[in-house]
């Protein structure tokens, strides 16, 4: 099918401004509360209204034909995972009294948000990719603000942690591990920072964000590593190093120069910690604790009792997963719990792959791999990083804001790719027609 383009004259559409708000709400704004009750974030309501965008008349930007086909191709596996999970939930209900039926509702809403976020992203035809740079700076700055000044501004604790129980949990985490939570727990906070950084790196590498100054590459890379170090997130430190390496090699053509650029950037980061590390460790206990946390981590020390901090971490809940999976290997056993093993615990496992295979069975598990493969074919291998880190060590698919931003940006990037190809096709056909007329 030939690609067609519909052109509008204005550079920023209303949908792009709504996209800006969705990202700001997911990344930066606290959950609104009324009389002590948590409400849906406004961006959730916007995403839930996505089906209305399909039926309402609206102006469109540069749109390549086949958008609906691409939507079902990319989101079909996600919807299949949800359907299998609900069938598994129905099967679970035949085995006994379900203790927490709301878990199925939460999972349903979560997967629908993923689908709607992608679909909405497809409609955003004039997204400015430089926004990602400022969102990264803003998110990192907010995390540092919450870490360094939370005790001085109690109103921040009330805004972002809401209840005395959550604030006490924050204090307990600081007392026991010397780690601040940031926007959630330390690992989920750093995942959110890295999701923005991931799409910043991908946008630059795909050429959607051109002429990014070198000082932004250096500053953003150093800030990413610094925030990750302060939060002491080990799995995200590996992800950060991978992303920074790709970012440092941006716009560098020769491999020797790429290696030199990456080495120079990491040398600058190491030099910063050498010269300022002791001062920071002496003045801030949690930085000293973060240093000790990384220094005492031995990835390959799989001795008894240390599996959770080694390369064996993805398998620490293998027994619970395999026992639950084998009870319903085809469609899974849903999202809730019963009063006996292996259904006595929520199917989380600190491993997204295990969770999908347990809740949605082998069909859902294979659909997860199909989805990952299609993402790789459209955007590239780097975009799959969250499925491995933290997908295999903590959770990516349980982090609501991170997954919403991820699917939202997938929709934007994939449509941008097809719009670019459509413009090139139109430009090429115009050039050929012009040459034929002159001949």
Protein backbone atom coordinates (compact mmCIF):
# COMPACT_ATOMS: atom_id res chain seq x y z
CA UNK A 1 0.00 0.00 0.00
CA UNK A 2 1.51 3.36 -0.94
CA UNK A 3 2.13 5.74 1.91
CA UNK A 4 0.14 8.97 1.81
CA UNK A 5 0.65 12.20 3.72
CA UNK A 6 -1.83 14.71 5.05
CA UNK A 7 -0.23 18.07 5.80
CA UNK A 8 -1.16 20.82 8.26
CA UNK A 9 0.48 24.22 8.50
CA UNK A 10 0.88 24.78 12.24
CA UNK A 11 3.97 23.34 13.95
CA UNK A 12 2.46 22.37 17.32
CA UNK A 13 -0.99 20.83 17.58
CA UNK A 14 -3.22 20.63 20.65
CA UNK A 15 -2.46 16.92 20.89
CA UNK A 16 1.23 17.76 21.22
CA UNK A 17 0.49 20.06 24.15
CA UNK A 18 -1.57 17.31 25.75
CA UNK A 19 1.37 14.96 25.16
CA UNK A 20 3.58 17.44 26.99
CA UNK A 21 1.16 17.41 29.93
CA UNK A 22 0.94 13.60 29.97
CA UNK A 23 4.71 13.30 30.26
CA UNK A 24 4.91 16.02 32.92
CA UNK A 25 2.12 14.41 34.94
CA UNK A 26 3.66 10.93 34.80
CA UNK A 27 7.23 12.04 35.45
CA UNK A 28 6.99 15.02 37.77
CA UNK A 29 3.62 15.64 39.39
CA UNK A 30 2.40 13.93 42.58
CA UNK A 31 -0.82 11.95 42.72
CA UNK A 32 -3.68 14.36 43.51
CA UNK A 33 -5.59 13.73 46.72
CA UNK A 34 -8.99 14.83 47.97
CA UNK A 35 -9.85 14.51 51.67
CA UNK A 36 -6.96 12.08 52.06
CA UNK A 37 -8.09 9.85 49.18
CA UNK A 38 -5.76 9.26 46.23
CA UNK A 39 -7.29 10.14 42.88
CA UNK A 40 -6.42 9.20 39.33
CA UNK A 41 -3.76 11.39 37.82
CA UNK A 42 -5.26 13.75 35.20
CA UNK A 43 -3.15 12.13 32.50
CA UNK A 44 -4.91 8.81 33.16
CA UNK A 45 -8.23 10.40 32.28
CA UNK A 46 -6.73 11.80 29.09
CA UNK A 47 -5.42 8.37 28.11
CA UNK A 48 -8.72 6.69 28.92
CA UNK A 49 -10.39 9.17 26.57
CA UNK A 50 -8.15 8.01 23.71
CA UNK A 51 -10.96 6.08 21.93
CA UNK A 52 -12.75 9.42 21.55
CA UNK A 53 -9.83 10.76 19.50
CA UNK A 54 -10.52 8.05 16.94
CA UNK A 55 -14.14 8.96 16.34
CA UNK A 56 -13.87 12.74 16.76
CA UNK A 57 -13.01 14.86 13.71
CA UNK A 58 -9.61 16.47 14.16
CA UNK A 59 -6.82 17.99 12.17
CA UNK A 60 -3.97 15.66 11.42
CA UNK A 61 -0.33 16.33 10.88
CA UNK A 62 1.99 14.33 8.66
CA UNK A 63 0.27 10.93 8.82
CA UNK A 64 1.41 7.81 7.01
CA UNK A 65 -1.29 5.39 5.94
CA UNK A 66 -1.64 2.12 7.80
CA UNK A 67 -1.68 3.57 11.32
CA UNK A 68 -4.50 1.27 12.46
CA UNK A 69 -2.65 -1.76 11.11
CA UNK A 70 0.48 -0.73 13.00
CA UNK A 71 -1.55 -0.20 16.17
CA UNK A 72 -2.98 -3.72 16.14
CA UNK A 73 0.36 -5.23 15.17
CA UNK A 74 2.15 -3.55 18.09
CA UNK A 75 -0.61 -3.72 20.72
CA UNK A 76 -2.17 -7.02 19.67
CA UNK A 77 0.30 -9.04 21.78
CA UNK A 78 -0.37 -6.83 24.82
CA UNK A 79 -4.13 -7.30 24.44
CA UNK A 80 -3.56 -11.03 24.01
CA UNK A 81 -1.56 -11.14 27.25
CA UNK A 82 -4.45 -9.41 29.03
CA UNK A 83 -7.08 -11.78 27.60
CA UNK A 84 -5.06 -14.83 28.65
CA UNK A 85 -4.59 -13.36 32.11
CA UNK A 86 -8.33 -12.82 32.51
CA UNK A 87 -9.01 -16.37 31.36
CA UNK A 88 -6.42 -17.51 33.89
CA UNK A 89 -8.22 -15.44 36.54
CA UNK A 90 -11.45 -17.22 35.63
CA UNK A 91 -9.70 -20.57 35.99
CA UNK A 92 -8.29 -19.50 39.36
CA UNK A 93 -11.80 -18.72 40.60
CA UNK A 94 -12.74 -22.38 40.08
CA UNK A 95 -10.00 -23.52 42.47
CA UNK A 96 -11.17 -21.68 45.58
CA UNK A 97 -12.15 -18.37 47.13
CA UNK A 98 -10.12 -15.50 45.69
CA UNK A 99 -8.70 -13.26 48.38
CA UNK A 100 -7.98 -10.14 46.31
CA UNK A 101 -10.25 -9.89 43.24
CA UNK A 102 -9.23 -6.24 42.73
CA UNK A 103 -5.85 -7.45 41.46
CA UNK A 104 -7.50 -8.50 38.19
CA UNK A 105 -9.08 -5.06 37.85
CA UNK A 106 -5.72 -3.36 38.48
CA UNK A 107 -4.00 -5.57 35.90
CA UNK A 108 -6.75 -4.89 33.36
CA UNK A 109 -6.48 -1.14 33.84
CA UNK A 110 -2.70 -1.35 33.66
CA UNK A 111 -2.66 -3.16 30.30
CA UNK A 112 -5.37 -0.88 28.92
CA UNK A 113 -3.29 2.13 29.89
CA UNK A 114 -0.39 0.65 27.95
CA UNK A 115 -2.58 0.16 24.88
CA UNK A 116 -4.16 3.61 25.11
CA UNK A 117 -0.78 5.29 25.69
CA UNK A 118 0.60 3.75 22.51
CA UNK A 119 -2.52 4.67 20.54
CA UNK A 120 -2.44 8.24 21.78
CA UNK A 121 1.25 8.51 20.93
CA UNK A 122 0.42 7.60 17.34
CA UNK A 123 -1.78 10.71 17.08
CA UNK A 124 0.97 13.10 18.22
CA UNK A 125 2.39 14.21 14.87
CA UNK A 126 4.38 17.25 16.01
CA UNK A 127 6.24 16.08 19.08
CA UNK A 128 9.36 18.10 19.83
CA UNK A 129 12.06 15.66 20.84
CA UNK A 130 14.08 18.34 22.61
CA UNK A 131 11.38 18.17 25.28
CA UNK A 132 12.90 14.83 26.31
CA UNK A 133 16.16 16.57 27.21
CA UNK A 134 14.39 19.04 29.51
CA UNK A 135 12.19 16.32 30.97
CA UNK A 136 15.30 14.35 31.82
CA UNK A 137 16.87 17.34 33.55
CA UNK A 138 13.62 18.13 35.36
CA UNK A 139 13.10 14.54 36.55
CA UNK A 140 16.69 14.21 37.77
CA UNK A 141 16.47 17.61 39.50
CA UNK A 142 13.21 16.63 41.24
CA UNK A 143 14.74 13.37 42.48
CA UNK A 144 17.78 15.22 43.85
CA UNK A 145 15.51 17.81 45.45
CA UNK A 146 13.52 15.11 47.23
CA UNK A 147 16.72 13.41 48.36
CA UNK A 148 18.67 16.41 49.63
CA UNK A 149 15.90 18.67 50.98
CA UNK A 150 13.04 16.36 51.99
CA UNK A 151 13.76 16.92 55.70
CA UNK A 152 13.80 20.70 55.29
CA UNK A 153 10.53 20.93 53.37
CA UNK A 154 7.91 18.66 54.97
CA UNK A 155 5.38 19.81 52.39
CA UNK A 156 7.31 17.82 49.76
CA UNK A 157 6.93 14.67 51.84
CA UNK A 158 3.21 15.31 52.13
CA UNK A 159 2.88 15.90 48.37
CA UNK A 160 4.85 12.89 47.15
CA UNK A 161 4.47 10.36 49.99
CA UNK A 162 0.97 11.41 51.10
CA UNK A 163 0.39 9.46 54.30
CA UNK A 164 2.23 9.22 57.64
CA UNK A 165 2.69 5.50 56.92
CA UNK A 166 4.51 6.17 53.65
CA UNK A 167 6.63 8.86 55.27
CA UNK A 168 7.52 6.45 58.06
CA UNK A 169 8.43 3.79 55.47
CA UNK A 170 10.73 6.35 53.87
CA UNK A 171 12.37 7.03 57.23
CA UNK A 172 12.71 3.30 57.94
CA UNK A 173 14.41 2.73 54.58
CA UNK A 174 16.86 5.54 55.29
CA UNK A 175 17.58 4.18 58.76
CA UNK A 176 18.03 0.55 57.67
CA UNK A 177 19.78 0.94 54.30
CA UNK A 178 20.70 4.61 54.08
CA UNK A 179 18.73 4.83 50.82
CA UNK A 180 16.21 7.49 49.87
CA UNK A 181 13.15 6.58 47.82
CA UNK A 182 13.03 9.51 45.44
CA UNK A 183 9.70 9.29 43.59
CA UNK A 184 8.96 5.73 44.68
CA UNK A 185 11.41 3.15 45.90
CA UNK A 186 15.01 3.77 44.75
CA UNK A 187 14.93 1.23 41.91
CA UNK A 188 11.60 2.38 40.44
CA UNK A 189 12.68 6.02 40.71
CA UNK A 190 15.87 5.37 38.77
CA UNK A 191 13.92 3.35 36.21
CA UNK A 192 11.73 6.39 35.57
CA UNK A 193 14.81 8.58 35.10
CA UNK A 194 16.34 6.02 32.76
CA UNK A 195 13.16 5.63 30.68
CA UNK A 196 13.38 9.33 29.78
CA UNK A 197 17.12 9.02 29.20
CA UNK A 198 16.57 5.94 27.02
CA UNK A 199 14.23 7.75 24.64
CA UNK A 200 16.49 10.78 24.62
CA UNK A 201 19.37 8.56 23.48
CA UNK A 202 17.19 6.72 20.94
CA UNK A 203 15.80 9.98 19.53
CA UNK A 204 19.30 11.33 19.01
CA UNK A 205 20.55 8.12 17.43
CA UNK A 206 17.57 7.95 15.06
CA UNK A 207 18.17 11.53 13.97
CA UNK A 208 14.91 12.89 15.38
CA UNK A 209 16.83 15.19 17.73
CA UNK A 210 19.65 16.65 15.68
CA UNK A 211 22.39 19.08 16.56
CA UNK A 212 22.45 18.20 20.26
CA UNK A 213 25.37 20.11 21.74
CA UNK A 214 28.24 18.12 23.23
CA UNK A 215 27.91 19.81 26.61
CA UNK A 216 24.39 18.39 26.90
CA UNK A 217 25.73 14.90 26.15
CA UNK A 218 28.38 15.23 28.85
CA UNK A 219 26.13 16.91 31.43
CA UNK A 220 23.18 14.55 30.94
CA UNK A 221 25.44 11.48 31.09
CA UNK A 222 27.20 12.59 34.27
CA UNK A 223 23.90 13.55 35.87
CA UNK A 224 22.40 10.15 35.04
CA UNK A 225 25.29 8.25 36.61
CA UNK A 226 25.31 10.56 39.66
CA UNK A 227 21.58 10.13 40.36
CA UNK A 228 21.85 6.37 39.89
CA UNK A 229 24.80 6.22 42.28
CA UNK A 230 22.99 8.24 44.92
CA UNK A 231 19.92 6.02 44.67
CA UNK A 232 22.23 2.96 44.82
CA UNK A 233 20.25 1.05 42.21
CA UNK A 234 22.53 -1.73 41.05
CA UNK A 235 20.50 -3.05 38.11
CA UNK A 236 19.88 0.47 36.85
CA UNK A 237 23.56 1.33 37.18
CA UNK A 238 24.26 -1.34 34.57
CA UNK A 239 21.48 0.12 32.40
CA UNK A 240 22.85 3.64 32.89
CA UNK A 241 26.34 2.59 31.83
CA UNK A 242 24.94 1.00 28.66
CA UNK A 243 22.87 4.09 27.82
CA UNK A 244 25.70 6.51 28.56
CA UNK A 245 28.03 4.48 26.32
CA UNK A 246 25.58 4.77 23.42
CA UNK A 247 24.97 8.44 24.17
CA UNK A 248 28.68 9.25 24.24
CA UNK A 249 29.09 7.68 20.79
CA UNK A 250 26.36 9.89 19.32
CA UNK A 251 27.22 11.48 15.97
CA UNK A 252 30.66 9.81 15.98
CA UNK A 253 31.30 7.97 12.73
CA UNK A 254 34.52 6.01 13.28
CA UNK A 255 34.73 3.17 15.79
CA UNK A 256 38.08 4.35 17.13
CA UNK A 257 36.63 7.77 17.82
CA UNK A 258 33.52 6.19 19.39
CA UNK A 259 35.70 4.21 21.81
CA UNK A 260 37.72 7.31 22.64
CA UNK A 261 34.57 9.38 23.28
CA UNK A 262 33.08 6.71 25.55
CA UNK A 263 36.36 6.28 27.46
CA UNK A 264 36.78 10.05 27.86
CA UNK A 265 33.28 10.46 29.26
CA UNK A 266 33.64 7.62 31.76
CA UNK A 267 37.07 8.98 32.75
CA UNK A 268 35.43 12.34 33.50
CA UNK A 269 32.75 10.64 35.61
CA UNK A 270 35.32 8.60 37.54
CA UNK A 271 37.50 11.68 38.06
CA UNK A 272 34.52 13.56 39.51
CA UNK A 273 33.90 10.82 42.08
CA UNK A 274 37.61 10.63 42.94
CA UNK A 275 37.93 14.35 43.60
CA UNK A 276 34.56 14.99 45.22
CA UNK A 277 33.58 11.52 46.44
CA UNK A 278 35.17 11.72 49.90
CA UNK A 279 33.66 15.13 50.58
CA UNK A 280 30.20 13.91 49.65
CA UNK A 281 30.62 10.70 51.67
CA UNK A 282 31.66 12.64 54.76
CA UNK A 283 28.79 15.11 54.52
CA UNK A 284 26.00 12.74 53.45
CA UNK A 285 25.60 9.35 55.11
CA UNK A 286 23.39 7.95 52.35
CA UNK A 287 26.13 8.60 49.77
CA UNK A 288 28.59 6.68 51.93
CA UNK A 289 26.05 3.85 52.20
CA UNK A 290 25.58 3.90 48.42
CA UNK A 291 29.33 3.64 47.93
CA UNK A 292 29.51 0.67 50.30
CA UNK A 293 26.51 -0.96 48.59
CA UNK A 294 28.25 -0.92 45.22
CA UNK A 295 31.68 -1.75 46.62
CA UNK A 296 30.47 -4.89 48.40
CA UNK A 297 28.45 -6.23 45.45
CA UNK A 298 29.94 -9.32 43.86
CA UNK A 299 27.97 -10.20 40.75
CA UNK A 300 29.37 -13.70 40.35
CA UNK A 301 29.44 -14.72 44.03
CA UNK A 302 26.49 -17.12 43.89
CA UNK A 303 27.16 -18.65 47.28
CA UNK A 304 24.20 -19.73 49.37
CA UNK A 305 22.18 -16.77 50.64
CA UNK A 306 23.58 -14.22 48.17
CA UNK A 307 21.56 -15.05 45.06
CA UNK A 308 19.49 -11.87 45.32
CA UNK A 309 22.56 -9.66 44.79
CA UNK A 310 24.27 -11.71 42.10
CA UNK A 311 23.81 -12.69 38.49
CA UNK A 312 21.44 -15.42 39.73
CA UNK A 313 18.84 -12.87 40.90
CA UNK A 314 16.40 -13.48 37.99
CA UNK A 315 15.94 -17.06 39.26
CA UNK A 316 15.50 -16.44 43.00
CA UNK A 317 11.75 -17.12 42.78
CA UNK A 318 11.99 -19.94 40.26
CA UNK A 319 10.37 -22.51 42.54
CA UNK A 320 7.30 -20.42 43.29
CA UNK A 321 6.95 -19.45 39.64
CA UNK A 322 7.34 -22.96 38.22
CA UNK A 323 4.89 -24.45 40.71
CA UNK A 324 2.24 -21.88 39.87
CA UNK A 325 2.90 -22.01 36.12
CA UNK A 326 2.53 -25.79 36.00
CA UNK A 327 -0.93 -25.57 37.53
CA UNK A 328 -2.18 -23.84 34.37
CA UNK A 329 0.60 -23.81 31.76
CA UNK A 330 -1.50 -22.75 28.76
CA UNK A 331 -3.53 -19.70 29.84
CA UNK A 332 -2.00 -19.03 33.26
CA UNK A 333 -3.70 -18.58 36.61
CA UNK A 334 -4.52 -14.89 36.71
CA UNK A 335 -3.43 -12.17 39.09
CA UNK A 336 -4.94 -12.98 42.49
CA UNK A 337 -4.25 -15.32 45.38
CA UNK A 338 -5.92 -18.24 47.13
CA UNK A 339 -5.43 -19.62 50.59
CA UNK A 340 -2.92 -22.33 49.71
CA UNK A 341 0.39 -22.85 47.89
CA UNK A 342 1.34 -22.06 45.14
CA UNK A 343 -1.39 -19.42 44.95
CA UNK A 344 -0.83 -17.93 48.41
CA UNK A 345 1.32 -15.05 47.12
CA UNK A 346 0.79 -12.48 44.40
CA UNK A 347 2.53 -13.53 41.15
CA UNK A 348 5.33 -10.95 41.15
CA UNK A 349 8.58 -12.98 41.43
CA UNK A 350 10.85 -9.92 40.90
CA UNK A 351 10.86 -10.99 37.26
CA UNK A 352 8.45 -9.69 34.61
CA UNK A 353 8.94 -12.69 32.33
CA UNK A 354 7.98 -15.08 35.14
CA UNK A 355 4.98 -12.91 36.01
CA UNK A 356 3.59 -12.92 32.47
CA UNK A 357 4.15 -16.64 32.04
CA UNK A 358 2.47 -17.35 35.39
CA UNK A 359 -0.51 -15.01 34.96
CA UNK A 360 -1.12 -15.51 31.21
CA UNK A 361 0.45 -18.91 30.59
CA UNK A 362 2.63 -20.04 27.72
CA UNK A 363 0.39 -18.22 25.23
CA UNK A 364 0.88 -14.92 27.04
CA UNK A 365 4.57 -15.60 27.53
CA UNK A 366 5.10 -16.17 23.83
CA UNK A 367 3.08 -13.04 23.05
CA UNK A 368 5.45 -11.08 25.30
CA UNK A 369 8.40 -12.26 23.19
CA UNK A 370 6.47 -11.45 19.99
CA UNK A 371 5.87 -7.93 21.30
CA UNK A 372 9.54 -7.48 22.19
CA UNK A 373 10.60 -8.75 18.75
CA UNK A 374 8.27 -6.31 16.98
CA UNK A 375 9.59 -3.42 19.04
CA UNK A 376 13.12 -4.45 18.09
CA UNK A 377 12.20 -4.59 14.38
CA UNK A 378 10.65 -1.13 14.47
CA UNK A 379 13.01 0.84 16.72
CA UNK A 380 16.09 -1.27 17.47
CA UNK A 381 17.60 -3.43 20.18
CA UNK A 382 18.42 -0.65 22.67
CA UNK A 383 14.72 0.07 23.32
CA UNK A 384 14.34 -3.45 24.79
CA UNK A 385 16.70 -2.65 27.66
CA UNK A 386 13.93 -2.18 30.30
CA UNK A 387 12.65 -5.71 29.62
CA UNK A 388 16.01 -7.00 30.89
CA UNK A 389 17.03 -4.31 33.40
CA UNK A 390 14.98 -4.18 35.57
CA UNK A 391 12.58 -6.63 33.88
CA UNK A 392 14.58 -9.69 34.98
CA UNK A 393 15.72 -8.37 38.36
CA UNK A 394 12.87 -6.26 39.79
CA UNK A 395 9.99 -5.15 37.60
CA UNK A 396 9.42 -2.96 34.58
CA UNK A 397 5.87 -3.99 33.68
CA UNK A 398 4.64 -3.20 37.21
CA UNK A 399 5.94 0.38 37.20
CA UNK A 400 2.91 2.32 35.97
CA UNK A 401 4.45 5.70 35.03
CA UNK A 402 7.52 4.10 33.44
CA UNK A 403 5.44 1.76 31.24
CA UNK A 404 2.98 4.50 30.26
CA UNK A 405 5.83 6.79 29.18
CA UNK A 406 7.47 3.84 27.40
CA UNK A 407 4.38 2.88 25.36
CA UNK A 408 3.52 6.52 24.72
CA UNK A 409 6.97 7.22 23.28
CA UNK A 410 6.86 3.97 21.27
CA UNK A 411 3.73 5.22 19.52
CA UNK A 412 5.36 8.57 18.77
CA UNK A 413 8.63 7.09 17.49
CA UNK A 414 7.09 4.39 15.32
CA UNK A 415 4.76 6.85 13.60
CA UNK A 416 7.65 9.28 13.16
CA UNK A 417 9.58 6.54 11.38
CA UNK A 418 6.75 5.89 8.92
CA UNK A 419 6.13 9.60 8.35
CA UNK A 420 9.79 10.05 7.52
CA UNK A 421 9.70 7.13 5.08
CA UNK A 422 6.50 8.50 3.53
CA UNK A 423 8.04 11.94 3.03
CA UNK A 424 11.11 10.37 1.44
CA UNK A 425 8.90 8.33 -0.89
CA UNK A 426 6.90 11.40 -1.88
CA UNK A 427 10.08 13.43 -2.35
CA UNK A 428 11.65 10.66 -4.42
CA UNK A 429 8.62 10.32 -6.67
CA UNK A 430 8.51 14.11 -7.14
CA UNK A 431 12.17 14.16 -8.14
CA UNK A 432 11.62 11.34 -10.62
CA UNK A 433 8.63 13.10 -12.14
CA UNK A 434 10.62 16.33 -12.47
CA UNK A 435 13.53 14.54 -14.14
CA UNK A 436 11.20 12.77 -16.57
CA UNK A 437 9.51 16.05 -17.52
CA UNK A 438 12.88 17.70 -18.24
CA UNK A 439 13.98 14.77 -20.34
